[in-house]
Protein backbone atom coordinates (compact mmCIF):
# COMPACT_ATOMS: atom_id res chain seq x y z
CA UNK A 1 0.00 0.00 0.00
CA UNK A 2 1.16 3.54 -0.73
CA UNK A 3 1.06 5.89 2.21
CA UNK A 4 -0.82 9.15 1.91
CA UNK A 5 0.49 12.36 3.42
CA UNK A 6 -2.01 12.24 6.28
CA UNK A 7 -1.14 8.65 7.25
CA UNK A 8 1.27 8.12 10.12
CA UNK A 9 3.89 5.39 9.98
CA UNK A 10 3.98 3.09 13.00
CA UNK A 11 7.03 0.89 13.62
CA UNK A 12 7.07 -1.66 16.47
CA UNK A 13 10.29 -3.31 17.63
CA UNK A 14 10.77 -5.99 20.29
CA UNK A 15 14.10 -7.33 21.49
CA UNK A 16 16.03 -8.77 24.44
CA UNK A 17 18.48 -6.46 26.22
CA UNK A 18 21.48 -5.07 24.29
CA UNK A 19 20.50 -6.62 20.96
CA UNK A 20 20.96 -3.26 19.23
CA UNK A 21 17.27 -2.39 18.92
CA UNK A 22 17.67 1.05 20.46
CA UNK A 23 20.45 2.08 18.09
CA UNK A 24 18.50 0.79 15.09
CA UNK A 25 15.26 2.43 16.21
CA UNK A 26 17.03 5.79 16.60
CA UNK A 27 18.58 5.53 13.11
CA UNK A 28 15.28 4.53 11.51
CA UNK A 29 13.40 7.26 13.37
CA UNK A 30 15.87 9.92 12.26
CA UNK A 31 15.78 8.76 8.64
CA UNK A 32 11.97 8.73 8.36
CA UNK A 33 11.37 11.61 10.81
CA UNK A 34 9.52 9.45 13.33
CA UNK A 35 8.92 10.10 17.02
CA UNK A 36 11.13 7.61 18.88
CA UNK A 37 10.26 6.21 22.29
CA UNK A 38 12.55 3.78 24.12
CA UNK A 39 9.95 2.02 26.27
CA UNK A 40 12.54 -0.01 28.17
CA UNK A 41 14.11 3.21 29.39
CA UNK A 42 10.74 4.23 30.86
CA UNK A 43 10.72 1.11 33.04
CA UNK A 44 14.35 1.77 33.94
CA UNK A 45 13.42 5.35 34.88
CA UNK A 46 10.64 4.03 37.12
CA UNK A 47 13.03 1.47 38.64
CA UNK A 48 15.52 4.27 39.31
CA UNK A 49 12.75 6.29 41.00
CA UNK A 50 11.80 3.31 43.14
CA UNK A 51 15.37 2.66 44.26
CA UNK A 52 15.86 6.36 45.00
CA UNK A 53 12.48 6.98 46.70
CA UNK A 54 11.58 3.67 48.33
CA UNK A 55 9.52 5.27 51.11
CA UNK A 56 7.51 7.54 48.79
CA UNK A 57 7.10 5.16 45.85
CA UNK A 58 3.51 4.35 44.86
CA UNK A 59 1.34 4.28 41.74
CA UNK A 60 -0.12 7.73 42.54
CA UNK A 61 3.43 9.07 43.04
CA UNK A 62 4.36 7.53 39.69
CA UNK A 63 1.41 9.08 37.85
CA UNK A 64 2.70 12.54 38.68
CA UNK A 65 6.22 11.65 37.57
CA UNK A 66 5.42 10.22 34.13
CA UNK A 67 2.46 12.41 33.19
CA UNK A 68 4.55 14.19 30.59
CA UNK A 69 7.46 12.80 28.56
CA UNK A 70 9.41 15.97 29.30
CA UNK A 71 9.47 15.01 32.98
CA UNK A 72 11.21 11.71 32.25
CA UNK A 73 15.00 11.83 32.18
CA UNK A 74 15.86 9.03 29.75
CA UNK A 75 19.45 10.24 29.30
CA UNK A 76 20.47 9.59 32.90
CA UNK A 77 23.48 7.24 32.75
CA UNK A 78 22.44 5.66 36.05
CA UNK A 79 19.58 3.98 34.18
CA UNK A 80 22.12 1.62 32.57
CA UNK A 81 23.21 0.00 35.82
CA UNK A 82 22.56 -3.70 36.45
CA UNK A 83 20.72 -2.85 39.67
CA UNK A 84 18.27 -0.66 37.77
CA UNK A 85 17.90 -3.25 35.00
CA UNK A 86 16.98 -6.04 37.41
CA UNK A 87 14.56 -3.76 39.28
CA UNK A 88 13.00 -2.71 35.95
CA UNK A 89 12.35 -6.36 35.12
CA UNK A 90 10.68 -6.83 38.52
CA UNK A 91 8.40 -3.78 38.37
CA UNK A 92 7.39 -4.59 34.80
CA UNK A 93 5.48 -7.53 36.30
CA UNK A 94 3.36 -5.15 38.38
CA UNK A 95 -0.02 -4.94 36.63
CA UNK A 96 -0.90 -1.43 37.87
CA UNK A 97 2.43 0.01 36.81
CA UNK A 98 2.32 -1.83 33.50
CA UNK A 99 -1.18 -0.49 32.74
CA UNK A 100 -0.02 3.03 33.53
CA UNK A 101 3.03 2.77 31.27
CA UNK A 102 0.97 0.96 28.62
CA UNK A 103 -1.48 3.90 28.35
CA UNK A 104 1.44 6.33 28.18
CA UNK A 105 3.11 4.37 25.37
CA UNK A 106 -0.08 3.86 23.34
CA UNK A 107 -0.81 7.59 23.48
CA UNK A 108 2.59 8.50 22.01
CA UNK A 109 2.49 5.65 19.48
CA UNK A 110 -0.81 6.79 17.97
CA UNK A 111 -0.51 10.50 18.68
CA UNK A 112 3.10 11.51 18.06
CA UNK A 113 3.92 15.24 18.08
CA UNK A 114 2.69 16.84 14.84
CA UNK A 115 6.15 17.58 13.47
CA UNK A 116 6.78 13.82 13.00
CA UNK A 117 5.64 11.47 10.21
CA UNK A 118 4.78 8.74 12.69
CA UNK A 119 6.21 6.79 15.60
CA UNK A 120 8.80 4.13 16.33
CA UNK A 121 8.76 2.28 19.66
CA UNK A 122 11.07 -0.45 20.90
CA UNK A 123 10.66 -2.64 23.97
CA UNK A 124 9.46 -6.10 24.96
CA UNK A 125 5.75 -6.19 24.05
CA UNK A 126 5.40 -3.48 21.42
CA UNK A 127 4.46 -5.70 18.45
CA UNK A 128 1.51 -7.41 20.09
CA UNK A 129 0.47 -5.23 23.03
CA UNK A 130 1.28 -1.57 22.36
CA UNK A 131 0.97 -1.28 18.55
CA UNK A 132 -0.60 -4.56 17.36
CA UNK A 133 -1.63 -2.92 14.06
CA UNK A 134 1.81 -1.44 13.32
CA UNK A 135 2.66 -1.39 9.62
CA UNK A 136 6.17 -2.58 10.38
CA UNK A 137 7.16 -5.10 13.05
CA UNK A 138 10.67 -6.29 13.85
CA UNK A 139 12.22 -8.65 16.39
CA UNK A 140 15.87 -7.71 16.93
CA UNK A 141 18.16 -10.26 18.57
CA UNK A 142 21.79 -11.37 18.95
CA UNK A 143 23.52 -14.18 20.82
CA UNK A 144 23.86 -13.79 24.59
CA UNK A 145 27.65 -13.30 24.66
CA UNK A 146 27.52 -10.59 22.00
CA UNK A 147 24.78 -8.77 23.91
CA UNK A 148 26.60 -9.13 27.24
CA UNK A 149 29.79 -7.76 25.69
CA UNK A 150 27.93 -4.72 24.32
CA UNK A 151 26.39 -3.99 27.72
CA UNK A 152 29.75 -4.62 29.45
CA UNK A 153 31.40 -1.93 27.30
CA UNK A 154 28.60 0.51 28.17
CA UNK A 155 28.77 -0.20 31.89
CA UNK A 156 32.58 -0.15 32.01
CA UNK A 157 32.45 3.59 31.30
CA UNK A 158 30.45 4.28 34.47
CA UNK A 159 31.46 1.34 36.67
CA UNK A 160 35.16 0.62 36.27
CA UNK A 161 35.35 -2.50 38.45
CA UNK A 162 32.56 -4.47 36.78
CA UNK A 163 33.46 -7.78 35.08
CA UNK A 164 32.15 -9.38 31.91
CA UNK A 165 30.99 -12.47 33.82
CA UNK A 166 28.91 -10.29 36.15
CA UNK A 167 27.19 -8.68 33.17
CA UNK A 168 26.66 -12.05 31.46
CA UNK A 169 25.09 -13.51 34.61
CA UNK A 170 22.84 -10.48 35.01
CA UNK A 171 21.77 -10.63 31.37
CA UNK A 172 20.86 -14.32 31.60
CA UNK A 173 18.75 -13.50 34.65
CA UNK A 174 17.09 -10.61 32.81
CA UNK A 175 16.35 -12.78 29.74
CA UNK A 176 14.76 -15.45 31.90
CA UNK A 177 12.56 -12.85 33.57
CA UNK A 178 11.57 -11.15 30.29
CA UNK A 179 10.70 -14.35 28.44
CA UNK A 180 8.94 -16.18 31.29
CA UNK A 181 6.85 -13.49 33.00
CA UNK A 182 3.09 -13.97 32.79
CA UNK A 183 2.34 -10.33 32.04
CA UNK A 184 3.42 -9.22 28.54
CA UNK A 185 6.41 -11.56 28.10
CA UNK A 186 9.03 -10.96 25.45
CA UNK A 187 8.20 -12.99 22.35
CA UNK A 188 8.48 -12.85 18.58
CA UNK A 189 5.14 -12.55 16.81
CA UNK A 190 4.51 -14.38 13.54
CA UNK A 191 4.25 -11.12 11.62
CA UNK A 192 7.53 -9.69 12.97
CA UNK A 193 10.64 -9.73 10.77
CA UNK A 194 13.58 -11.34 12.58
CA UNK A 195 16.86 -9.41 12.46
CA UNK A 196 19.91 -11.04 14.06
CA UNK A 197 22.58 -8.40 14.72
CA UNK A 198 25.31 -10.76 16.04
CA UNK A 199 27.49 -10.53 12.94
CA UNK A 200 26.10 -7.38 11.34
CA UNK A 201 27.41 -3.83 11.59
CA UNK A 202 25.08 -1.02 12.66
CA UNK A 203 25.02 0.22 9.06
CA UNK A 204 24.19 -3.24 7.65
CA UNK A 205 21.31 -3.62 10.13
CA UNK A 206 19.97 -0.19 9.25
CA UNK A 207 20.08 -0.86 5.51
CA UNK A 208 18.36 -4.23 5.96
CA UNK A 209 15.43 -2.64 7.78
CA UNK A 210 15.36 0.39 5.47
CA UNK A 211 15.01 -1.90 2.44
CA UNK A 212 11.96 -3.59 3.99
CA UNK A 213 10.32 -0.29 4.91
CA UNK A 214 11.02 1.40 1.56
CA UNK A 215 9.61 -1.55 -0.36
CA UNK A 216 6.34 -1.35 1.55
CA UNK A 217 6.08 2.44 1.46
CA UNK A 218 6.64 2.60 -2.29
CA UNK A 219 4.36 -0.27 -3.41
C-alpha atoms as a PDB file:
ATOM      1  CA  UNK A   1       0.000   0.000   0.000  1.00  0.00           C
ATOM      2  CA  UNK A   2       1.155   3.538  -0.726  1.00  0.00           C
ATOM      3  CA  UNK A   3       1.058   5.894   2.215  1.00  0.00           C
ATOM      4  CA  UNK A   4      -0.817   9.154   1.910  1.00  0.00           C
ATOM      5  CA  UNK A   5       0.489  12.363   3.420  1.00  0.00           C
ATOM      6  CA  UNK A   6      -2.009  12.243   6.282  1.00  0.00           C
ATOM      7  CA  UNK A   7      -1.140   8.651   7.251  1.00  0.00           C
ATOM      8  CA  UNK A   8       1.274   8.120  10.120  1.00  0.00           C
ATOM      9  CA  UNK A   9       3.885   5.394   9.976  1.00  0.00           C
ATOM     10  CA  UNK A  10       3.983   3.090  13.000  1.00  0.00           C
ATOM     11  CA  UNK A  11       7.031   0.891  13.620  1.00  0.00           C
ATOM     12  CA  UNK A  12       7.073  -1.660  16.469  1.00  0.00           C
ATOM     13  CA  UNK A  13      10.294  -3.312  17.625  1.00  0.00           C
ATOM     14  CA  UNK A  14      10.770  -5.988  20.288  1.00  0.00           C
ATOM     15  CA  UNK A  15      14.095  -7.335  21.492  1.00  0.00           C
ATOM     16  CA  UNK A  16      16.026  -8.768  24.439  1.00  0.00           C
ATOM     17  CA  UNK A  17      18.481  -6.461  26.224  1.00  0.00           C
ATOM     18  CA  UNK A  18      21.482  -5.066  24.289  1.00  0.00           C
ATOM     19  CA  UNK A  19      20.503  -6.622  20.958  1.00  0.00           C
ATOM     20  CA  UNK A  20      20.963  -3.259  19.229  1.00  0.00           C
ATOM     21  CA  UNK A  21      17.272  -2.390  18.917  1.00  0.00           C
ATOM     22  CA  UNK A  22      17.670   1.052  20.455  1.00  0.00           C
ATOM     23  CA  UNK A  23      20.454   2.075  18.088  1.00  0.00           C
ATOM     24  CA  UNK A  24      18.498   0.787  15.090  1.00  0.00           C
ATOM     25  CA  UNK A  25      15.264   2.429  16.210  1.00  0.00           C
ATOM     26  CA  UNK A  26      17.028   5.791  16.596  1.00  0.00           C
ATOM     27  CA  UNK A  27      18.578   5.534  13.107  1.00  0.00           C
ATOM     28  CA  UNK A  28      15.277   4.533  11.506  1.00  0.00           C
ATOM     29  CA  UNK A  29      13.403   7.263  13.368  1.00  0.00           C
ATOM     30  CA  UNK A  30      15.872   9.916  12.264  1.00  0.00           C
ATOM     31  CA  UNK A  31      15.783   8.759   8.639  1.00  0.00           C
ATOM     32  CA  UNK A  32      11.969   8.730   8.360  1.00  0.00           C
ATOM     33  CA  UNK A  33      11.374  11.615  10.807  1.00  0.00           C
ATOM     34  CA  UNK A  34       9.523   9.451  13.334  1.00  0.00           C
ATOM     35  CA  UNK A  35       8.922  10.104  17.022  1.00  0.00           C
ATOM     36  CA  UNK A  36      11.134   7.614  18.880  1.00  0.00           C
ATOM     37  CA  UNK A  37      10.257   6.206  22.288  1.00  0.00           C
ATOM     38  CA  UNK A  38      12.553   3.781  24.125  1.00  0.00           C
ATOM     39  CA  UNK A  39       9.945   2.024  26.275  1.00  0.00           C
ATOM     40  CA  UNK A  40      12.537  -0.013  28.168  1.00  0.00           C
ATOM     41  CA  UNK A  41      14.109   3.215  29.392  1.00  0.00           C
ATOM     42  CA  UNK A  42      10.741   4.231  30.864  1.00  0.00           C
ATOM     43  CA  UNK A  43      10.721   1.107  33.035  1.00  0.00           C
ATOM     44  CA  UNK A  44      14.346   1.769  33.936  1.00  0.00           C
ATOM     45  CA  UNK A  45      13.425   5.347  34.880  1.00  0.00           C
ATOM     46  CA  UNK A  46      10.637   4.032  37.117  1.00  0.00           C
ATOM     47  CA  UNK A  47      13.030   1.467  38.636  1.00  0.00           C
ATOM     48  CA  UNK A  48      15.524   4.268  39.314  1.00  0.00           C
ATOM     49  CA  UNK A  49      12.750   6.287  40.998  1.00  0.00           C
ATOM     50  CA  UNK A  50      11.802   3.315  43.141  1.00  0.00           C
ATOM     51  CA  UNK A  51      15.373   2.660  44.263  1.00  0.00           C
ATOM     52  CA  UNK A  52      15.856   6.361  45.002  1.00  0.00           C
ATOM     53  CA  UNK A  53      12.482   6.975  46.697  1.00  0.00           C
ATOM     54  CA  UNK A  54      11.582   3.671  48.334  1.00  0.00           C
ATOM     55  CA  UNK A  55       9.523   5.272  51.110  1.00  0.00           C
ATOM     56  CA  UNK A  56       7.510   7.536  48.786  1.00  0.00           C
ATOM     57  CA  UNK A  57       7.102   5.165  45.846  1.00  0.00           C
ATOM     58  CA  UNK A  58       3.510   4.348  44.862  1.00  0.00           C
ATOM     59  CA  UNK A  59       1.343   4.279  41.742  1.00  0.00           C
ATOM     60  CA  UNK A  60      -0.119   7.727  42.542  1.00  0.00           C
ATOM     61  CA  UNK A  61       3.434   9.072  43.039  1.00  0.00           C
ATOM     62  CA  UNK A  62       4.365   7.526  39.694  1.00  0.00           C
ATOM     63  CA  UNK A  63       1.408   9.081  37.851  1.00  0.00           C
ATOM     64  CA  UNK A  64       2.699  12.542  38.679  1.00  0.00           C
ATOM     65  CA  UNK A  65       6.216  11.651  37.574  1.00  0.00           C
ATOM     66  CA  UNK A  66       5.416  10.219  34.133  1.00  0.00           C
ATOM     67  CA  UNK A  67       2.455  12.411  33.191  1.00  0.00           C
ATOM     68  CA  UNK A  68       4.553  14.194  30.594  1.00  0.00           C
ATOM     69  CA  UNK A  69       7.463  12.798  28.563  1.00  0.00           C
ATOM     70  CA  UNK A  70       9.414  15.970  29.297  1.00  0.00           C
ATOM     71  CA  UNK A  71       9.468  15.008  32.976  1.00  0.00           C
ATOM     72  CA  UNK A  72      11.211  11.713  32.251  1.00  0.00           C
ATOM     73  CA  UNK A  73      14.999  11.829  32.176  1.00  0.00           C
ATOM     74  CA  UNK A  74      15.858   9.028  29.747  1.00  0.00           C
ATOM     75  CA  UNK A  75      19.454  10.239  29.297  1.00  0.00           C
ATOM     76  CA  UNK A  76      20.473   9.593  32.904  1.00  0.00           C
ATOM     77  CA  UNK A  77      23.483   7.239  32.752  1.00  0.00           C
ATOM     78  CA  UNK A  78      22.435   5.656  36.054  1.00  0.00           C
ATOM     79  CA  UNK A  79      19.577   3.979  34.176  1.00  0.00           C
ATOM     80  CA  UNK A  80      22.120   1.622  32.569  1.00  0.00           C
ATOM     81  CA  UNK A  81      23.208  -0.004  35.825  1.00  0.00           C
ATOM     82  CA  UNK A  82      22.560  -3.697  36.450  1.00  0.00           C
ATOM     83  CA  UNK A  83      20.720  -2.854  39.672  1.00  0.00           C
ATOM     84  CA  UNK A  84      18.272  -0.656  37.772  1.00  0.00           C
ATOM     85  CA  UNK A  85      17.905  -3.248  35.002  1.00  0.00           C
ATOM     86  CA  UNK A  86      16.983  -6.036  37.413  1.00  0.00           C
ATOM     87  CA  UNK A  87      14.559  -3.765  39.285  1.00  0.00           C
ATOM     88  CA  UNK A  88      12.999  -2.709  35.951  1.00  0.00           C
ATOM     89  CA  UNK A  89      12.355  -6.363  35.121  1.00  0.00           C
ATOM     90  CA  UNK A  90      10.677  -6.833  38.518  1.00  0.00           C
ATOM     91  CA  UNK A  91       8.403  -3.776  38.369  1.00  0.00           C
ATOM     92  CA  UNK A  92       7.394  -4.587  34.796  1.00  0.00           C
ATOM     93  CA  UNK A  93       5.483  -7.532  36.304  1.00  0.00           C
ATOM     94  CA  UNK A  94       3.357  -5.152  38.378  1.00  0.00           C
ATOM     95  CA  UNK A  95      -0.020  -4.938  36.627  1.00  0.00           C
ATOM     96  CA  UNK A  96      -0.904  -1.431  37.871  1.00  0.00           C
ATOM     97  CA  UNK A  97       2.434   0.008  36.813  1.00  0.00           C
ATOM     98  CA  UNK A  98       2.319  -1.825  33.500  1.00  0.00           C
ATOM     99  CA  UNK A  99      -1.185  -0.490  32.739  1.00  0.00           C
ATOM    100  CA  UNK A 100      -0.025   3.034  33.527  1.00  0.00           C
ATOM    101  CA  UNK A 101       3.028   2.767  31.270  1.00  0.00           C
ATOM    102  CA  UNK A 102       0.965   0.965  28.623  1.00  0.00           C
ATOM    103  CA  UNK A 103      -1.481   3.897  28.354  1.00  0.00           C
ATOM    104  CA  UNK A 104       1.442   6.334  28.175  1.00  0.00           C
ATOM    105  CA  UNK A 105       3.109   4.371  25.368  1.00  0.00           C
ATOM    106  CA  UNK A 106      -0.080   3.863  23.338  1.00  0.00           C
ATOM    107  CA  UNK A 107      -0.807   7.589  23.479  1.00  0.00           C
ATOM    108  CA  UNK A 108       2.592   8.504  22.012  1.00  0.00           C
ATOM    109  CA  UNK A 109       2.491   5.655  19.478  1.00  0.00           C
ATOM    110  CA  UNK A 110      -0.808   6.785  17.966  1.00  0.00           C
ATOM    111  CA  UNK A 111      -0.509  10.499  18.680  1.00  0.00           C
ATOM    112  CA  UNK A 112       3.102  11.505  18.060  1.00  0.00           C
ATOM    113  CA  UNK A 113       3.924  15.244  18.081  1.00  0.00           C
ATOM    114  CA  UNK A 114       2.690  16.838  14.845  1.00  0.00           C
ATOM    115  CA  UNK A 115       6.154  17.577  13.473  1.00  0.00           C
ATOM    116  CA  UNK A 116       6.784  13.819  12.999  1.00  0.00           C
ATOM    117  CA  UNK A 117       5.644  11.465  10.208  1.00  0.00           C
ATOM    118  CA  UNK A 118       4.783   8.738  12.694  1.00  0.00           C
ATOM    119  CA  UNK A 119       6.208   6.794  15.602  1.00  0.00           C
ATOM    120  CA  UNK A 120       8.801   4.131  16.333  1.00  0.00           C
ATOM    121  CA  UNK A 121       8.763   2.280  19.660  1.00  0.00           C
ATOM    122  CA  UNK A 122      11.069  -0.452  20.898  1.00  0.00           C
ATOM    123  CA  UNK A 123      10.664  -2.639  23.971  1.00  0.00           C
ATOM    124  CA  UNK A 124       9.465  -6.103  24.964  1.00  0.00           C
ATOM    125  CA  UNK A 125       5.745  -6.193  24.052  1.00  0.00           C
ATOM    126  CA  UNK A 126       5.404  -3.482  21.417  1.00  0.00           C
ATOM    127  CA  UNK A 127       4.460  -5.696  18.454  1.00  0.00           C
ATOM    128  CA  UNK A 128       1.512  -7.408  20.085  1.00  0.00           C
ATOM    129  CA  UNK A 129       0.470  -5.228  23.029  1.00  0.00           C
ATOM    130  CA  UNK A 130       1.277  -1.569  22.365  1.00  0.00           C
ATOM    131  CA  UNK A 131       0.970  -1.278  18.554  1.00  0.00           C
ATOM    132  CA  UNK A 132      -0.603  -4.563  17.357  1.00  0.00           C
ATOM    133  CA  UNK A 133      -1.625  -2.919  14.064  1.00  0.00           C
ATOM    134  CA  UNK A 134       1.813  -1.441  13.320  1.00  0.00           C
ATOM    135  CA  UNK A 135       2.658  -1.391   9.618  1.00  0.00           C
ATOM    136  CA  UNK A 136       6.173  -2.580  10.383  1.00  0.00           C
ATOM    137  CA  UNK A 137       7.158  -5.095  13.054  1.00  0.00           C
ATOM    138  CA  UNK A 138      10.668  -6.292  13.851  1.00  0.00           C
ATOM    139  CA  UNK A 139      12.223  -8.648  16.390  1.00  0.00           C
ATOM    140  CA  UNK A 140      15.872  -7.713  16.926  1.00  0.00           C
ATOM    141  CA  UNK A 141      18.164 -10.258  18.571  1.00  0.00           C
ATOM    142  CA  UNK A 142      21.791 -11.371  18.947  1.00  0.00           C
ATOM    143  CA  UNK A 143      23.525 -14.182  20.819  1.00  0.00           C
ATOM    144  CA  UNK A 144      23.859 -13.788  24.593  1.00  0.00           C
ATOM    145  CA  UNK A 145      27.650 -13.303  24.660  1.00  0.00           C
ATOM    146  CA  UNK A 146      27.520 -10.589  22.003  1.00  0.00           C
ATOM    147  CA  UNK A 147      24.779  -8.772  23.912  1.00  0.00           C
ATOM    148  CA  UNK A 148      26.600  -9.131  27.235  1.00  0.00           C
ATOM    149  CA  UNK A 149      29.790  -7.755  25.685  1.00  0.00           C
ATOM    150  CA  UNK A 150      27.935  -4.722  24.320  1.00  0.00           C
ATOM    151  CA  UNK A 151      26.391  -3.989  27.722  1.00  0.00           C
ATOM    152  CA  UNK A 152      29.749  -4.621  29.454  1.00  0.00           C
ATOM    153  CA  UNK A 153      31.398  -1.935  27.299  1.00  0.00           C
ATOM    154  CA  UNK A 154      28.598   0.508  28.171  1.00  0.00           C
ATOM    155  CA  UNK A 155      28.774  -0.202  31.893  1.00  0.00           C
ATOM    156  CA  UNK A 156      32.575  -0.152  32.011  1.00  0.00           C
ATOM    157  CA  UNK A 157      32.446   3.594  31.304  1.00  0.00           C
ATOM    158  CA  UNK A 158      30.454   4.280  34.466  1.00  0.00           C
ATOM    159  CA  UNK A 159      31.460   1.342  36.672  1.00  0.00           C
ATOM    160  CA  UNK A 160      35.163   0.621  36.271  1.00  0.00           C
ATOM    161  CA  UNK A 161      35.351  -2.499  38.445  1.00  0.00           C
ATOM    162  CA  UNK A 162      32.558  -4.473  36.776  1.00  0.00           C
ATOM    163  CA  UNK A 163      33.458  -7.779  35.080  1.00  0.00           C
ATOM    164  CA  UNK A 164      32.151  -9.383  31.908  1.00  0.00           C
ATOM    165  CA  UNK A 165      30.987 -12.471  33.819  1.00  0.00           C
ATOM    166  CA  UNK A 166      28.912 -10.291  36.153  1.00  0.00           C
ATOM    167  CA  UNK A 167      27.194  -8.684  33.174  1.00  0.00           C
ATOM    168  CA  UNK A 168      26.656 -12.052  31.461  1.00  0.00           C
ATOM    169  CA  UNK A 169      25.089 -13.505  34.606  1.00  0.00           C
ATOM    170  CA  UNK A 170      22.845 -10.476  35.012  1.00  0.00           C
ATOM    171  CA  UNK A 171      21.768 -10.630  31.371  1.00  0.00           C
ATOM    172  CA  UNK A 172      20.861 -14.322  31.598  1.00  0.00           C
ATOM    173  CA  UNK A 173      18.746 -13.498  34.649  1.00  0.00           C
ATOM    174  CA  UNK A 174      17.092 -10.612  32.807  1.00  0.00           C
ATOM    175  CA  UNK A 175      16.350 -12.776  29.741  1.00  0.00           C
ATOM    176  CA  UNK A 176      14.763 -15.447  31.896  1.00  0.00           C
ATOM    177  CA  UNK A 177      12.560 -12.855  33.567  1.00  0.00           C
ATOM    178  CA  UNK A 178      11.572 -11.146  30.291  1.00  0.00           C
ATOM    179  CA  UNK A 179      10.702 -14.351  28.444  1.00  0.00           C
ATOM    180  CA  UNK A 180       8.938 -16.179  31.293  1.00  0.00           C
ATOM    181  CA  UNK A 181       6.846 -13.492  32.997  1.00  0.00           C
ATOM    182  CA  UNK A 182       3.095 -13.971  32.787  1.00  0.00           C
ATOM    183  CA  UNK A 183       2.336 -10.330  32.043  1.00  0.00           C
ATOM    184  CA  UNK A 184       3.420  -9.224  28.539  1.00  0.00           C
ATOM    185  CA  UNK A 185       6.413 -11.557  28.102  1.00  0.00           C
ATOM    186  CA  UNK A 186       9.033 -10.962  25.451  1.00  0.00           C
ATOM    187  CA  UNK A 187       8.203 -12.994  22.351  1.00  0.00           C
ATOM    188  CA  UNK A 188       8.476 -12.854  18.581  1.00  0.00           C
ATOM    189  CA  UNK A 189       5.141 -12.552  16.810  1.00  0.00           C
ATOM    190  CA  UNK A 190       4.513 -14.382  13.538  1.00  0.00           C
ATOM    191  CA  UNK A 191       4.246 -11.116  11.618  1.00  0.00           C
ATOM    192  CA  UNK A 192       7.533  -9.692  12.969  1.00  0.00           C
ATOM    193  CA  UNK A 193      10.637  -9.728  10.774  1.00  0.00           C
ATOM    194  CA  UNK A 194      13.578 -11.343  12.580  1.00  0.00           C
ATOM    195  CA  UNK A 195      16.862  -9.409  12.460  1.00  0.00           C
ATOM    196  CA  UNK A 196      19.914 -11.043  14.061  1.00  0.00           C
ATOM    197  CA  UNK A 197      22.585  -8.403  14.724  1.00  0.00           C
ATOM    198  CA  UNK A 198      25.305 -10.755  16.038  1.00  0.00           C
ATOM    199  CA  UNK A 199      27.490 -10.528  12.935  1.00  0.00           C
ATOM    200  CA  UNK A 200      26.096  -7.383  11.343  1.00  0.00           C
ATOM    201  CA  UNK A 201      27.413  -3.834  11.589  1.00  0.00           C
ATOM    202  CA  UNK A 202      25.080  -1.023  12.662  1.00  0.00           C
ATOM    203  CA  UNK A 203      25.021   0.223   9.063  1.00  0.00           C
ATOM    204  CA  UNK A 204      24.195  -3.237   7.649  1.00  0.00           C
ATOM    205  CA  UNK A 205      21.307  -3.621  10.126  1.00  0.00           C
ATOM    206  CA  UNK A 206      19.967  -0.190   9.253  1.00  0.00           C
ATOM    207  CA  UNK A 207      20.084  -0.862   5.509  1.00  0.00           C
ATOM    208  CA  UNK A 208      18.360  -4.232   5.964  1.00  0.00           C
ATOM    209  CA  UNK A 209      15.429  -2.641   7.782  1.00  0.00           C
ATOM    210  CA  UNK A 210      15.361   0.387   5.471  1.00  0.00           C
ATOM    211  CA  UNK A 211      15.015  -1.896   2.443  1.00  0.00           C
ATOM    212  CA  UNK A 212      11.961  -3.595   3.994  1.00  0.00           C
ATOM    213  CA  UNK A 213      10.317  -0.286   4.913  1.00  0.00           C
ATOM    214  CA  UNK A 214      11.016   1.398   1.562  1.00  0.00           C
ATOM    215  CA  UNK A 215       9.611  -1.551  -0.365  1.00  0.00           C
ATOM    216  CA  UNK A 216       6.342  -1.350   1.552  1.00  0.00           C
ATOM    217  CA  UNK A 217       6.079   2.442   1.457  1.00  0.00           C
ATOM    218  CA  UNK A 218       6.635   2.604  -2.293  1.00  0.00           C
ATOM    219  CA  UNK A 219       4.358  -0.268  -3.409  1.00  0.00           C
END
